[in-house]
Structure formats: C-alpha cells, structure tokens
C-alpha cells in the first residue's frame, strides 16, 4: 500500500485530472490557445508536418517561443502559476492579460488590441480548427470558463508527460519531431519516422484542410502523446498510433496491462489514471511508449538497428 506521504507527492507531481470536473475550462482554454497558436502560424515560415505552429512546455506553462515580426521578435506565454498571458518583445516591452473567466470573444478582442498597441499588426483566420462546432473567435460567447486550479493541474500533467516523452525520444536517432503541443488537437506529441514515404492520407479531419493532413502524414510514422480526452474518450489518456497502420498492429498485446486498442480512434490507449496511480509513473508510461513503438516498427518492417540508439554516448 502506498504511504500517505507518497500519495501526497504523487498528487502534486502527477495530479488527478477528471475530465468532467474541468471540461468547460478545457473547452475555453482550447479556443484561447488556438487564437495564440494561429498568431504563431501566420508569422512563422512553413516547417514540415506543421512543426512551426506548436507550443512548448515551460517551467511556468506553455510558450510559442520566439515569433518573427520583420526584424523584431515577440513571444506569447501562458503562465499557469500566476495565471496570466504574457507578451514579450525584442524591444523590451512586456504586457500581460489576466487569465480569468471571460469569453473567447473578449479574450480575442483584448489580445488583438494589445498586439496593435505593441505595433504588432497580426491578422488571423478566426475559425477554429479540428473541432466540430467551429464558432469564429469574435462571436464565441459560449466558452467563458477558467478554473485556475484545473488549468494548473493540466500544465503539471503536461510538465511530467513532456519530461518522460523526451526520455523516450532520446532512444531514437532517426528523423523525429520535437516534443511539442498541437493546439488544434490539444495534445502533447512526439513522432518518429521510418524514413519511407506513406500512402496519401485520406484527410477528413474536422475543419482542417486535407492538404495539411496529407503533408503531416507524408511519411510513415509512429506517434504517441498525451490528450486530455473528449468525444468518445471523456478521460485523460496517453495514446500511440502508426500511420499507415501495418497489418497485425492492432492485435498486438502491448504493455502494461490495462492498455487497449481503440477501434474508432485507431490508437492504443493508456488511461492517464493508471499512470497517475502507479508506484512508478515513469516506468509505466515508458513501457507503454516502447511497446507500442515496437509493435509499429516490427509489423511495419522498420530498420530498427539503423534508427535506434544502440548505446548511450
């Protein structure tokens, strides 16, 4: 049995994140992060597989990292400790917006006004991506929730997930994405590549141009990450999938016990609660990541010896 001290430490490091208790904050935060993500999108040069649009986990929250604006740069951060949006420019200006329960429309108007005041004239497409009900930001008065405690919990889950995913990423020497957060799907992900082209992706992602999905999946991948849940899975999960999915992949028994293949999502799923409650969360999560990758690489006939680190430097 876990000691009370360990239970308290685990709750601090790997906090509970029950979907039903923060789903309104989740939905609002998703739209706020899409607004900021689209600002980065329109200012950055295109990078393969949309790697130029993502956020990165920081010791305080999430960041766009540096965004070019002519010869200047700026950065936008979500601070989930002091609960503010922070805008910094290369000319030394700093502006903040408190994160509190306001509508998406109000958040959008306040942020765009602040950017104009900083002489950063950025214009974005205001229709959200990868969601069914794509209400333009300036008209979205439906999403207006912000529970600071759950926003902080979400960030702390990302903080630990990012750390473990980076350990997993270091085992691979082939082409591999950074560990980064996609504001469209609202997931933290890392993707390994076999080096071979993939068949054309069918597209069909809600409110996402098929050309974007097809470029993202132009080559064979084994991808994994963390997702807070939604739709057919109203719970936080770790996931892993392969594109194209090789024969035999979905029937593989992966580790640990409790992981399963979700036929509708075409992904292996490990409930976050199983990691959160484990005596060694890192061990359980790494076991899931490694076993699902091995299933993709073995059934997909990847050249594992050439792609994997054989020993630490």
C-alpha atoms as a PDB file:
ATOM      1  CA  UNK A   1       0.000   0.000   0.000  1.00  0.00           C
ATOM      2  CA  UNK A   2       1.275   3.494  -0.836  1.00  0.00           C
ATOM      3  CA  UNK A   3       2.230   5.639   2.145  1.00  0.00           C
ATOM      4  CA  UNK A   4       0.271   8.883   2.758  1.00  0.00           C
ATOM      5  CA  UNK A   5       3.444  10.862   2.011  1.00  0.00           C
ATOM      6  CA  UNK A   6       3.826   9.203  -1.394  1.00  0.00           C
ATOM      7  CA  UNK A   7       0.144   9.727  -2.163  1.00  0.00           C
ATOM      8  CA  UNK A   8       0.542  13.434  -1.409  1.00  0.00           C
ATOM      9  CA  UNK A   9       3.703  13.718  -3.514  1.00  0.00           C
ATOM     10  CA  UNK A  10       2.074  11.846  -6.402  1.00  0.00           C
ATOM     11  CA  UNK A  11      -0.969  14.157  -6.271  1.00  0.00           C
ATOM     12  CA  UNK A  12       1.387  17.120  -6.519  1.00  0.00           C
ATOM     13  CA  UNK A  13       3.600  15.768  -9.311  1.00  0.00           C
ATOM     14  CA  UNK A  14       1.022  13.724 -11.248  1.00  0.00           C
ATOM     15  CA  UNK A  15      -2.285  15.385 -10.272  1.00  0.00           C
ATOM     16  CA  UNK A  16      -5.737  13.980 -10.913  1.00  0.00           C
ATOM     17  CA  UNK A  17      -7.413  15.478 -13.988  1.00  0.00           C
ATOM     18  CA  UNK A  18     -11.016  14.198 -14.141  1.00  0.00           C
ATOM     19  CA  UNK A  19     -12.479  15.303 -17.454  1.00  0.00           C
ATOM     20  CA  UNK A  20     -15.956  16.028 -16.135  1.00  0.00           C
ATOM     21  CA  UNK A  21     -14.664  18.446 -13.492  1.00  0.00           C
ATOM     22  CA  UNK A  22     -12.842  20.802 -15.847  1.00  0.00           C
ATOM     23  CA  UNK A  23     -14.375  20.236 -19.287  1.00  0.00           C
ATOM     24  CA  UNK A  24     -15.726  23.812 -19.520  1.00  0.00           C
ATOM     25  CA  UNK A  25     -12.322  25.291 -18.666  1.00  0.00           C
ATOM     26  CA  UNK A  26     -10.751  22.833 -21.122  1.00  0.00           C
ATOM     27  CA  UNK A  27     -13.077  23.951 -23.932  1.00  0.00           C
ATOM     28  CA  UNK A  28     -12.395  27.643 -23.279  1.00  0.00           C
ATOM     29  CA  UNK A  29      -8.645  27.186 -22.915  1.00  0.00           C
ATOM     30  CA  UNK A  30      -8.605  25.186 -26.163  1.00  0.00           C
ATOM     31  CA  UNK A  31     -10.032  28.194 -28.039  1.00  0.00           C
ATOM     32  CA  UNK A  32      -7.709  30.691 -26.301  1.00  0.00           C
ATOM     33  CA  UNK A  33      -4.720  28.573 -27.266  1.00  0.00           C
ATOM     34  CA  UNK A  34      -5.971  28.309 -30.854  1.00  0.00           C
ATOM     35  CA  UNK A  35      -6.009  32.104 -31.066  1.00  0.00           C
ATOM     36  CA  UNK A  36      -2.414  32.368 -29.845  1.00  0.00           C
ATOM     37  CA  UNK A  37      -1.362  29.391 -31.970  1.00  0.00           C
ATOM     38  CA  UNK A  38      -2.785  30.984 -35.104  1.00  0.00           C
ATOM     39  CA  UNK A  39      -0.756  34.123 -34.378  1.00  0.00           C
ATOM     40  CA  UNK A  40       2.381  31.982 -34.441  1.00  0.00           C
ATOM     41  CA  UNK A  41       1.126  30.147 -37.536  1.00  0.00           C
ATOM     42  CA  UNK A  42       0.756  33.256 -39.707  1.00  0.00           C
ATOM     43  CA  UNK A  43       4.136  34.707 -38.711  1.00  0.00           C
ATOM     44  CA  UNK A  44       6.355  31.628 -38.972  1.00  0.00           C
ATOM     45  CA  UNK A  45       7.915  30.160 -42.140  1.00  0.00           C
ATOM     46  CA  UNK A  46       6.363  26.807 -43.001  1.00  0.00           C
ATOM     47  CA  UNK A  47       8.094  23.780 -41.463  1.00  0.00           C
ATOM     48  CA  UNK A  48       7.404  20.182 -42.458  1.00  0.00           C
ATOM     49  CA  UNK A  49       4.477  18.454 -40.716  1.00  0.00           C
ATOM     50  CA  UNK A  50       3.284  21.788 -39.227  1.00  0.00           C
ATOM     51  CA  UNK A  51       6.066  21.802 -36.656  1.00  0.00           C
ATOM     52  CA  UNK A  52       6.107  25.619 -36.889  1.00  0.00           C
ATOM     53  CA  UNK A  53       2.688  26.054 -35.230  1.00  0.00           C
ATOM     54  CA  UNK A  54       3.218  24.272 -31.923  1.00  0.00           C
ATOM     55  CA  UNK A  55       3.627  25.308 -28.288  1.00  0.00           C
ATOM     56  CA  UNK A  56       6.293  24.072 -25.873  1.00  0.00           C
ATOM     57  CA  UNK A  57       6.047  23.245 -22.180  1.00  0.00           C
ATOM     58  CA  UNK A  58       7.879  25.640 -19.827  1.00  0.00           C
ATOM     59  CA  UNK A  59       8.552  25.698 -16.066  1.00  0.00           C
ATOM     60  CA  UNK A  60       5.519  28.007 -15.738  1.00  0.00           C
ATOM     61  CA  UNK A  61       3.152  26.960 -18.513  1.00  0.00           C
ATOM     62  CA  UNK A  62       3.279  26.985 -22.315  1.00  0.00           C
ATOM     63  CA  UNK A  63       5.144  29.159 -24.813  1.00  0.00           C
ATOM     64  CA  UNK A  64       5.092  29.943 -28.517  1.00  0.00           C
ATOM     65  CA  UNK A  65       8.866  30.546 -28.358  1.00  0.00           C
ATOM     66  CA  UNK A  66      10.176  33.449 -30.475  1.00  0.00           C
ATOM     67  CA  UNK A  67       7.919  34.616 -33.312  1.00  0.00           C
ATOM     68  CA  UNK A  68       9.374  36.808 -36.098  1.00  0.00           C
ATOM     69  CA  UNK A  69       7.821  40.164 -36.978  1.00  0.00           C
ATOM     70  CA  UNK A  70      10.001  41.824 -39.582  1.00  0.00           C
ATOM     71  CA  UNK A  71      13.346  42.396 -37.868  1.00  0.00           C
ATOM     72  CA  UNK A  72      11.688  42.201 -34.443  1.00  0.00           C
ATOM     73  CA  UNK A  73      10.561  39.146 -32.498  1.00  0.00           C
ATOM     74  CA  UNK A  74       7.919  38.544 -29.875  1.00  0.00           C
ATOM     75  CA  UNK A  75       6.743  35.661 -27.714  1.00  0.00           C
ATOM     76  CA  UNK A  76       3.441  34.777 -26.056  1.00  0.00           C
ATOM     77  CA  UNK A  77       3.326  32.595 -22.951  1.00  0.00           C
ATOM     78  CA  UNK A  78       0.530  31.060 -20.922  1.00  0.00           C
ATOM     79  CA  UNK A  79       1.614  31.284 -17.273  1.00  0.00           C
ATOM     80  CA  UNK A  80      -0.388  28.735 -15.275  1.00  0.00           C
ATOM     81  CA  UNK A  81       1.247  29.665 -11.955  1.00  0.00           C
ATOM     82  CA  UNK A  82       0.371  33.377 -11.861  1.00  0.00           C
ATOM     83  CA  UNK A  83      -2.459  32.775 -14.374  1.00  0.00           C
ATOM     84  CA  UNK A  84      -1.680  35.366 -16.973  1.00  0.00           C
ATOM     85  CA  UNK A  85      -0.904  35.622 -20.646  1.00  0.00           C
ATOM     86  CA  UNK A  86       2.497  37.262 -21.105  1.00  0.00           C
ATOM     87  CA  UNK A  87       3.578  39.035 -24.309  1.00  0.00           C
ATOM     88  CA  UNK A  88       7.250  39.980 -24.615  1.00  0.00           C
ATOM     89  CA  UNK A  89       9.003  41.752 -27.491  1.00  0.00           C
ATOM     90  CA  UNK A  90      12.631  42.052 -28.542  1.00  0.00           C
ATOM     91  CA  UNK A  91      12.373  45.819 -27.884  1.00  0.00           C
ATOM     92  CA  UNK A  92      11.856  45.100 -24.193  1.00  0.00           C
ATOM     93  CA  UNK A  93       8.109  45.589 -23.939  1.00  0.00           C
ATOM     94  CA  UNK A  94       6.133  43.270 -21.670  1.00  0.00           C
ATOM     95  CA  UNK A  95       2.340  43.144 -21.463  1.00  0.00           C
ATOM     96  CA  UNK A  96       0.082  40.801 -19.512  1.00  0.00           C
ATOM     97  CA  UNK A  97      -3.544  39.723 -19.650  1.00  0.00           C
ATOM     98  CA  UNK A  98      -5.012  38.005 -16.591  1.00  0.00           C
ATOM     99  CA  UNK A  99      -6.392  34.536 -17.227  1.00  0.00           C
ATOM    100  CA  UNK A 100      -9.870  34.570 -15.740  1.00  0.00           C
ATOM    101  CA  UNK A 101     -13.413  33.572 -16.742  1.00  0.00           C
ATOM    102  CA  UNK A 102     -14.033  35.646 -19.872  1.00  0.00           C
ATOM    103  CA  UNK A 103     -15.485  34.659 -23.219  1.00  0.00           C
ATOM    104  CA  UNK A 104     -13.374  33.639 -26.187  1.00  0.00           C
ATOM    105  CA  UNK A 105     -14.657  36.744 -27.979  1.00  0.00           C
ATOM    106  CA  UNK A 106     -13.472  39.027 -25.169  1.00  0.00           C
ATOM    107  CA  UNK A 107     -10.102  37.261 -24.909  1.00  0.00           C
ATOM    108  CA  UNK A 108      -9.627  37.594 -28.683  1.00  0.00           C
ATOM    109  CA  UNK A 109     -10.503  41.312 -28.661  1.00  0.00           C
ATOM    110  CA  UNK A 110      -8.240  42.060 -25.682  1.00  0.00           C
ATOM    111  CA  UNK A 111      -5.264  40.202 -27.155  1.00  0.00           C
ATOM    112  CA  UNK A 112      -5.580  41.748 -30.614  1.00  0.00           C
ATOM    113  CA  UNK A 113      -5.870  45.234 -29.105  1.00  0.00           C
ATOM    114  CA  UNK A 114      -2.736  44.650 -27.057  1.00  0.00           C
ATOM    115  CA  UNK A 115      -0.804  43.418 -30.109  1.00  0.00           C
ATOM    116  CA  UNK A 116      -1.801  46.535 -32.046  1.00  0.00           C
ATOM    117  CA  UNK A 117      -0.658  48.698 -29.122  1.00  0.00           C
ATOM    118  CA  UNK A 118       2.715  46.924 -29.386  1.00  0.00           C
ATOM    119  CA  UNK A 119       2.770  47.698 -33.133  1.00  0.00           C
ATOM    120  CA  UNK A 120       2.352  44.027 -33.987  1.00  0.00           C
ATOM    121  CA  UNK A 121      -0.316  44.105 -36.689  1.00  0.00           C
ATOM    122  CA  UNK A 122      -1.188  40.410 -36.941  1.00  0.00           C
ATOM    123  CA  UNK A 123      -4.307  39.117 -38.670  1.00  0.00           C
ATOM    124  CA  UNK A 124      -5.530  35.514 -38.319  1.00  0.00           C
ATOM    125  CA  UNK A 125      -8.297  33.304 -39.671  1.00  0.00           C
ATOM    126  CA  UNK A 126     -10.753  33.308 -36.787  1.00  0.00           C
ATOM    127  CA  UNK A 127     -12.427  29.970 -37.463  1.00  0.00           C
ATOM    128  CA  UNK A 128     -11.112  27.256 -35.091  1.00  0.00           C
ATOM    129  CA  UNK A 129      -9.501  24.097 -36.452  1.00  0.00           C
ATOM    130  CA  UNK A 130     -10.064  20.417 -35.660  1.00  0.00           C
ATOM    131  CA  UNK A 131     -13.342  20.938 -33.791  1.00  0.00           C
ATOM    132  CA  UNK A 132     -16.864  20.184 -34.999  1.00  0.00           C
ATOM    133  CA  UNK A 133     -18.551  23.345 -33.686  1.00  0.00           C
ATOM    134  CA  UNK A 134     -16.191  25.941 -35.166  1.00  0.00           C
ATOM    135  CA  UNK A 135     -17.552  29.237 -33.807  1.00  0.00           C
ATOM    136  CA  UNK A 136     -15.450  32.189 -35.048  1.00  0.00           C
ATOM    137  CA  UNK A 137     -13.489  33.605 -32.130  1.00  0.00           C
ATOM    138  CA  UNK A 138     -15.027  37.074 -32.324  1.00  0.00           C
ATOM    139  CA  UNK A 139     -18.518  35.545 -31.995  1.00  0.00           C
ATOM    140  CA  UNK A 140     -17.783  32.907 -29.361  1.00  0.00           C
ATOM    141  CA  UNK A 141     -19.555  33.963 -26.168  1.00  0.00           C
ATOM    142  CA  UNK A 142     -20.381  30.345 -25.272  1.00  0.00           C
ATOM    143  CA  UNK A 143     -16.950  29.361 -23.953  1.00  0.00           C
ATOM    144  CA  UNK A 144     -16.147  31.564 -20.956  1.00  0.00           C
ATOM    145  CA  UNK A 145     -14.832  29.348 -18.137  1.00  0.00           C
ATOM    146  CA  UNK A 146     -11.497  29.354 -16.337  1.00  0.00           C
ATOM    147  CA  UNK A 147     -10.829  27.303 -13.216  1.00  0.00           C
ATOM    148  CA  UNK A 148      -7.277  28.265 -12.259  1.00  0.00           C
ATOM    149  CA  UNK A 149      -6.688  25.134 -10.166  1.00  0.00           C
ATOM    150  CA  UNK A 150      -7.530  22.825 -13.058  1.00  0.00           C
ATOM    151  CA  UNK A 151      -5.549  24.865 -15.575  1.00  0.00           C
ATOM    152  CA  UNK A 152      -2.592  24.453 -13.226  1.00  0.00           C
ATOM    153  CA  UNK A 153      -3.217  20.704 -12.919  1.00  0.00           C
ATOM    154  CA  UNK A 154      -3.358  20.376 -16.703  1.00  0.00           C
ATOM    155  CA  UNK A 155       0.003  22.135 -17.027  1.00  0.00           C
ATOM    156  CA  UNK A 156       1.550  19.912 -14.334  1.00  0.00           C
ATOM    157  CA  UNK A 157       0.402  16.810 -16.229  1.00  0.00           C
ATOM    158  CA  UNK A 158       1.994  18.248 -19.379  1.00  0.00           C
ATOM    159  CA  UNK A 159       5.183  19.034 -17.446  1.00  0.00           C
ATOM    160  CA  UNK A 160       5.661  15.404 -16.402  1.00  0.00           C
ATOM    161  CA  UNK A 161       4.488  13.994 -19.732  1.00  0.00           C
ATOM    162  CA  UNK A 162       6.912  16.262 -21.589  1.00  0.00           C
ATOM    163  CA  UNK A 163       9.770  15.064 -19.382  1.00  0.00           C
ATOM    164  CA  UNK A 164       9.043  11.357 -19.969  1.00  0.00           C
ATOM    165  CA  UNK A 165       8.378  11.801 -23.693  1.00  0.00           C
ATOM    166  CA  UNK A 166      11.792  13.459 -24.021  1.00  0.00           C
ATOM    167  CA  UNK A 167      13.407  10.421 -22.394  1.00  0.00           C
ATOM    168  CA  UNK A 168      11.614   8.228 -24.904  1.00  0.00           C
ATOM    169  CA  UNK A 169      12.560  10.485 -27.832  1.00  0.00           C
ATOM    170  CA  UNK A 170      16.259  10.226 -26.907  1.00  0.00           C
ATOM    171  CA  UNK A 171      16.243   6.495 -27.699  1.00  0.00           C
ATOM    172  CA  UNK A 172      15.748   7.219 -31.429  1.00  0.00           C
ATOM    173  CA  UNK A 173      18.368   8.599 -33.832  1.00  0.00           C
ATOM    174  CA  UNK A 174      16.248   8.640 -36.977  1.00  0.00           C
ATOM    175  CA  UNK A 175      14.108  11.606 -38.002  1.00  0.00           C
ATOM    176  CA  UNK A 176      11.944  12.550 -35.027  1.00  0.00           C
ATOM    177  CA  UNK A 177       9.812  15.539 -34.117  1.00  0.00           C
ATOM    178  CA  UNK A 178      10.415  17.645 -31.024  1.00  0.00           C
ATOM    179  CA  UNK A 179       8.114  17.005 -28.098  1.00  0.00           C
ATOM    180  CA  UNK A 180       5.549  19.721 -28.734  1.00  0.00           C
ATOM    181  CA  UNK A 181       1.922  20.688 -28.153  1.00  0.00           C
ATOM    182  CA  UNK A 182      -0.557  20.949 -31.033  1.00  0.00           C
ATOM    183  CA  UNK A 183      -3.263  23.497 -30.254  1.00  0.00           C
ATOM    184  CA  UNK A 184      -5.610  22.064 -32.896  1.00  0.00           C
ATOM    185  CA  UNK A 185      -5.912  18.566 -31.452  1.00  0.00           C
ATOM    186  CA  UNK A 186      -4.915  19.873 -27.988  1.00  0.00           C
ATOM    187  CA  UNK A 187      -2.342  17.156 -27.412  1.00  0.00           C
ATOM    188  CA  UNK A 188       1.315  16.843 -26.482  1.00  0.00           C
ATOM    189  CA  UNK A 189       3.045  14.636 -29.049  1.00  0.00           C
ATOM    190  CA  UNK A 190       6.294  13.208 -30.337  1.00  0.00           C
ATOM    191  CA  UNK A 191       6.558  11.456 -33.713  1.00  0.00           C
ATOM    192  CA  UNK A 192       9.174   9.039 -35.071  1.00  0.00           C
ATOM    193  CA  UNK A 193       9.666   8.423 -38.803  1.00  0.00           C
ATOM    194  CA  UNK A 194      10.745   5.266 -40.604  1.00  0.00           C
ATOM    195  CA  UNK A 195      12.238   7.297 -43.455  1.00  0.00           C
ATOM    196  CA  UNK A 196       9.842   5.882 -46.074  1.00  0.00           C
ATOM    197  CA  UNK A 197       7.023   7.739 -47.841  1.00  0.00           C
ATOM    198  CA  UNK A 198       3.469   6.907 -46.763  1.00  0.00           C
ATOM    199  CA  UNK A 199       0.335   6.465 -48.872  1.00  0.00           C
ATOM    200  CA  UNK A 200      -1.758   9.621 -49.249  1.00  0.00           C
ATOM    201  CA  UNK A 201      -3.687  10.386 -46.083  1.00  0.00           C
ATOM    202  CA  UNK A 202      -7.474  10.382 -46.607  1.00  0.00           C
ATOM    203  CA  UNK A 203      -7.950  13.696 -44.812  1.00  0.00           C
ATOM    204  CA  UNK A 204     -11.360  14.309 -43.291  1.00  0.00           C
ATOM    205  CA  UNK A 205     -10.187  15.978 -40.059  1.00  0.00           C
ATOM    206  CA  UNK A 206     -12.931  18.417 -38.957  1.00  0.00           C
ATOM    207  CA  UNK A 207     -12.204  21.980 -40.070  1.00  0.00           C
ATOM    208  CA  UNK A 208      -8.688  21.207 -41.260  1.00  0.00           C
ATOM    209  CA  UNK A 209      -7.721  21.393 -44.950  1.00  0.00           C
ATOM    210  CA  UNK A 210      -6.975  17.911 -46.310  1.00  0.00           C
ATOM    211  CA  UNK A 211      -3.713  19.229 -47.764  1.00  0.00           C
ATOM    212  CA  UNK A 212      -2.454  19.954 -44.229  1.00  0.00           C
ATOM    213  CA  UNK A 213      -3.245  16.442 -43.005  1.00  0.00           C
ATOM    214  CA  UNK A 214      -1.666  14.903 -46.103  1.00  0.00           C
ATOM    215  CA  UNK A 215       1.553  16.876 -45.677  1.00  0.00           C
ATOM    216  CA  UNK A 216       1.665  15.976 -41.983  1.00  0.00           C
ATOM    217  CA  UNK A 217       1.430  12.268 -42.843  1.00  0.00           C
ATOM    218  CA  UNK A 218       3.548  12.300 -45.999  1.00  0.00           C
ATOM    219  CA  UNK A 219       5.903   9.718 -44.448  1.00  0.00           C
ATOM    220  CA  UNK A 220       5.474   6.641 -42.269  1.00  0.00           C
ATOM    221  CA  UNK A 221       5.190   7.485 -38.581  1.00  0.00           C
ATOM    222  CA  UNK A 222       4.894   6.059 -35.119  1.00  0.00           C
ATOM    223  CA  UNK A 223       3.409   8.768 -32.931  1.00  0.00           C
ATOM    224  CA  UNK A 224       2.479   8.999 -29.266  1.00  0.00           C
ATOM    225  CA  UNK A 225       1.500  11.556 -26.691  1.00  0.00           C
ATOM    226  CA  UNK A 226      -0.929  12.841 -24.078  1.00  0.00           C
ATOM    227  CA  UNK A 227      -4.501  14.035 -24.700  1.00  0.00           C
ATOM    228  CA  UNK A 228      -6.896  15.394 -22.033  1.00  0.00           C
ATOM    229  CA  UNK A 229      -9.766  13.486 -23.639  1.00  0.00           C
ATOM    230  CA  UNK A 230     -13.076  14.260 -25.303  1.00  0.00           C
ATOM    231  CA  UNK A 231     -15.752  12.788 -27.561  1.00  0.00           C
ATOM    232  CA  UNK A 232     -15.500   9.005 -27.492  1.00  0.00           C
ATOM    233  CA  UNK A 233     -12.938   9.155 -24.662  1.00  0.00           C
ATOM    234  CA  UNK A 234     -14.091  11.537 -21.901  1.00  0.00           C
ATOM    235  CA  UNK A 235     -10.991  10.948 -19.811  1.00  0.00           C
ATOM    236  CA  UNK A 236      -7.303  11.924 -19.999  1.00  0.00           C
ATOM    237  CA  UNK A 237      -5.170   9.366 -21.845  1.00  0.00           C
ATOM    238  CA  UNK A 238      -1.819   8.576 -23.320  1.00  0.00           C
ATOM    239  CA  UNK A 239      -2.084   7.375 -26.917  1.00  0.00           C
ATOM    240  CA  UNK A 240       0.029   5.738 -29.611  1.00  0.00           C
ATOM    241  CA  UNK A 241      -0.658   5.044 -33.271  1.00  0.00           C
ATOM    242  CA  UNK A 242       1.036   4.205 -36.535  1.00  0.00           C
ATOM    243  CA  UNK A 243       0.387   5.644 -39.995  1.00  0.00           C
ATOM    244  CA  UNK A 244      -0.052   3.714 -42.146  1.00  0.00           C
ATOM    245  CA  UNK A 245      -1.216   1.105 -39.683  1.00  0.00           C
ATOM    246  CA  UNK A 246       0.582  -2.166 -40.523  1.00  0.00           C
ATOM    247  CA  UNK A 247      -1.223  -5.496 -40.521  1.00  0.00           C
ATOM    248  CA  UNK A 248      -1.082  -7.093 -37.091  1.00  0.00           C
ATOM    249  CA  UNK A 249      -0.553  -3.807 -35.231  1.00  0.00           C
ATOM    250  CA  UNK A 250      -3.966  -3.502 -33.595  1.00  0.00           C
ATOM    251  CA  UNK A 251      -3.999  -7.128 -32.435  1.00  0.00           C
ATOM    252  CA  UNK A 252      -0.705  -6.776 -30.577  1.00  0.00           C
ATOM    253  CA  UNK A 253      -0.744  -7.151 -26.826  1.00  0.00           C
ATOM    254  CA  UNK A 254       1.089  -4.082 -25.597  1.00  0.00           C
ATOM    255  CA  UNK A 255       2.277  -3.213 -22.116  1.00  0.00           C
ATOM    256  CA  UNK A 256       1.272  -2.520 -19.400  1.00  0.00           C
ATOM    257  CA  UNK A 257      -1.893  -4.451 -18.629  1.00  0.00           C
ATOM    258  CA  UNK A 258      -4.771  -2.012 -18.951  1.00  0.00           C
ATOM    259  CA  UNK A 259      -3.614  -0.521 -22.255  1.00  0.00           C
ATOM    260  CA  UNK A 260      -6.005  -1.251 -25.114  1.00  0.00           C
ATOM    261  CA  UNK A 261      -6.640  -0.589 -28.801  1.00  0.00           C
ATOM    262  CA  UNK A 262      -9.496   1.830 -29.524  1.00  0.00           C
ATOM    263  CA  UNK A 263     -11.076   0.724 -32.797  1.00  0.00           C
ATOM    264  CA  UNK A 264     -12.751   4.074 -33.586  1.00  0.00           C
ATOM    265  CA  UNK A 265      -9.666   6.188 -32.914  1.00  0.00           C
ATOM    266  CA  UNK A 266      -7.315   3.527 -34.349  1.00  0.00           C
ATOM    267  CA  UNK A 267      -4.930   4.139 -31.472  1.00  0.00           C
ATOM    268  CA  UNK A 268      -3.592   2.304 -28.455  1.00  0.00           C
ATOM    269  CA  UNK A 269      -4.802   3.958 -25.274  1.00  0.00           C
ATOM    270  CA  UNK A 270      -3.403   4.001 -21.748  1.00  0.00           C
ATOM    271  CA  UNK A 271      -5.682   5.792 -19.262  1.00  0.00           C
ATOM    272  CA  UNK A 272      -3.868   8.627 -17.504  1.00  0.00           C
ATOM    273  CA  UNK A 273      -5.294   7.478 -14.170  1.00  0.00           C
ATOM    274  CA  UNK A 274      -3.310   4.244 -14.462  1.00  0.00           C
ATOM    275  CA  UNK A 275      -0.079   6.221 -14.775  1.00  0.00           C
ATOM    276  CA  UNK A 276      -1.096   8.714 -12.099  1.00  0.00           C
ATOM    277  CA  UNK A 277      -1.809   5.952  -9.583  1.00  0.00           C
ATOM    278  CA  UNK A 278       1.283   3.824 -10.320  1.00  0.00           C
ATOM    279  CA  UNK A 279       4.108   3.436  -7.839  1.00  0.00           C
ATOM    280  CA  UNK A 280       6.489   4.407 -10.661  1.00  0.00           C
ATOM    281  CA  UNK A 281       4.561   6.512 -13.225  1.00  0.00           C
ATOM    282  CA  UNK A 282       7.660   6.979 -15.414  1.00  0.00           C
ATOM    283  CA  UNK A 283       8.182   3.224 -15.697  1.00  0.00           C
ATOM    284  CA  UNK A 284       4.558   2.522 -16.610  1.00  0.00           C
ATOM    285  CA  UNK A 285       4.434   5.279 -19.222  1.00  0.00           C
ATOM    286  CA  UNK A 286       7.777   4.358 -20.808  1.00  0.00           C
ATOM    287  CA  UNK A 287       6.637   0.733 -21.005  1.00  0.00           C
ATOM    288  CA  UNK A 288       3.560   1.823 -22.945  1.00  0.00           C
ATOM    289  CA  UNK A 289       5.516   4.091 -25.280  1.00  0.00           C
ATOM    290  CA  UNK A 290       8.187   1.490 -26.001  1.00  0.00           C
ATOM    291  CA  UNK A 291       5.860  -1.465 -26.548  1.00  0.00           C
ATOM    292  CA  UNK A 292       3.548   0.432 -28.901  1.00  0.00           C
ATOM    293  CA  UNK A 293       6.521   1.734 -30.888  1.00  0.00           C
ATOM    294  CA  UNK A 294       7.930  -1.793 -31.151  1.00  0.00           C
ATOM    295  CA  UNK A 295       4.592  -3.014 -32.482  1.00  0.00           C
ATOM    296  CA  UNK A 296       4.603  -0.292 -35.158  1.00  0.00           C
ATOM    297  CA  UNK A 297       8.274  -0.808 -36.076  1.00  0.00           C
ATOM    298  CA  UNK A 298       8.200  -4.617 -36.115  1.00  0.00           C
ATOM    299  CA  UNK A 299       4.965  -5.031 -38.070  1.00  0.00           C
ATOM    300  CA  UNK A 300       5.950  -2.130 -40.325  1.00  0.00           C
ATOM    301  CA  UNK A 301       9.414  -3.635 -41.028  1.00  0.00           C
ATOM    302  CA  UNK A 302      11.332  -0.548 -39.920  1.00  0.00           C
ATOM    303  CA  UNK A 303      15.135  -0.721 -39.977  1.00  0.00           C
ATOM    304  CA  UNK A 304      15.328  -0.594 -36.202  1.00  0.00           C
ATOM    305  CA  UNK A 305      19.073  -1.100 -35.938  1.00  0.00           C
ATOM    306  CA  UNK A 306      19.722   1.957 -38.096  1.00  0.00           C
ATOM    307  CA  UNK A 307      17.056   4.100 -36.425  1.00  0.00           C
ATOM    308  CA  UNK A 308      17.504   3.354 -32.717  1.00  0.00           C
ATOM    309  CA  UNK A 309      20.282   4.397 -30.381  1.00  0.00           C
ATOM    310  CA  UNK A 310      22.249   1.271 -29.577  1.00  0.00           C
ATOM    311  CA  UNK A 311      24.065   2.696 -26.575  1.00  0.00           C
ATOM    312  CA  UNK A 312      24.295   5.979 -24.700  1.00  0.00           C
ATOM    313  CA  UNK A 313      27.119   8.320 -25.796  1.00  0.00           C
END
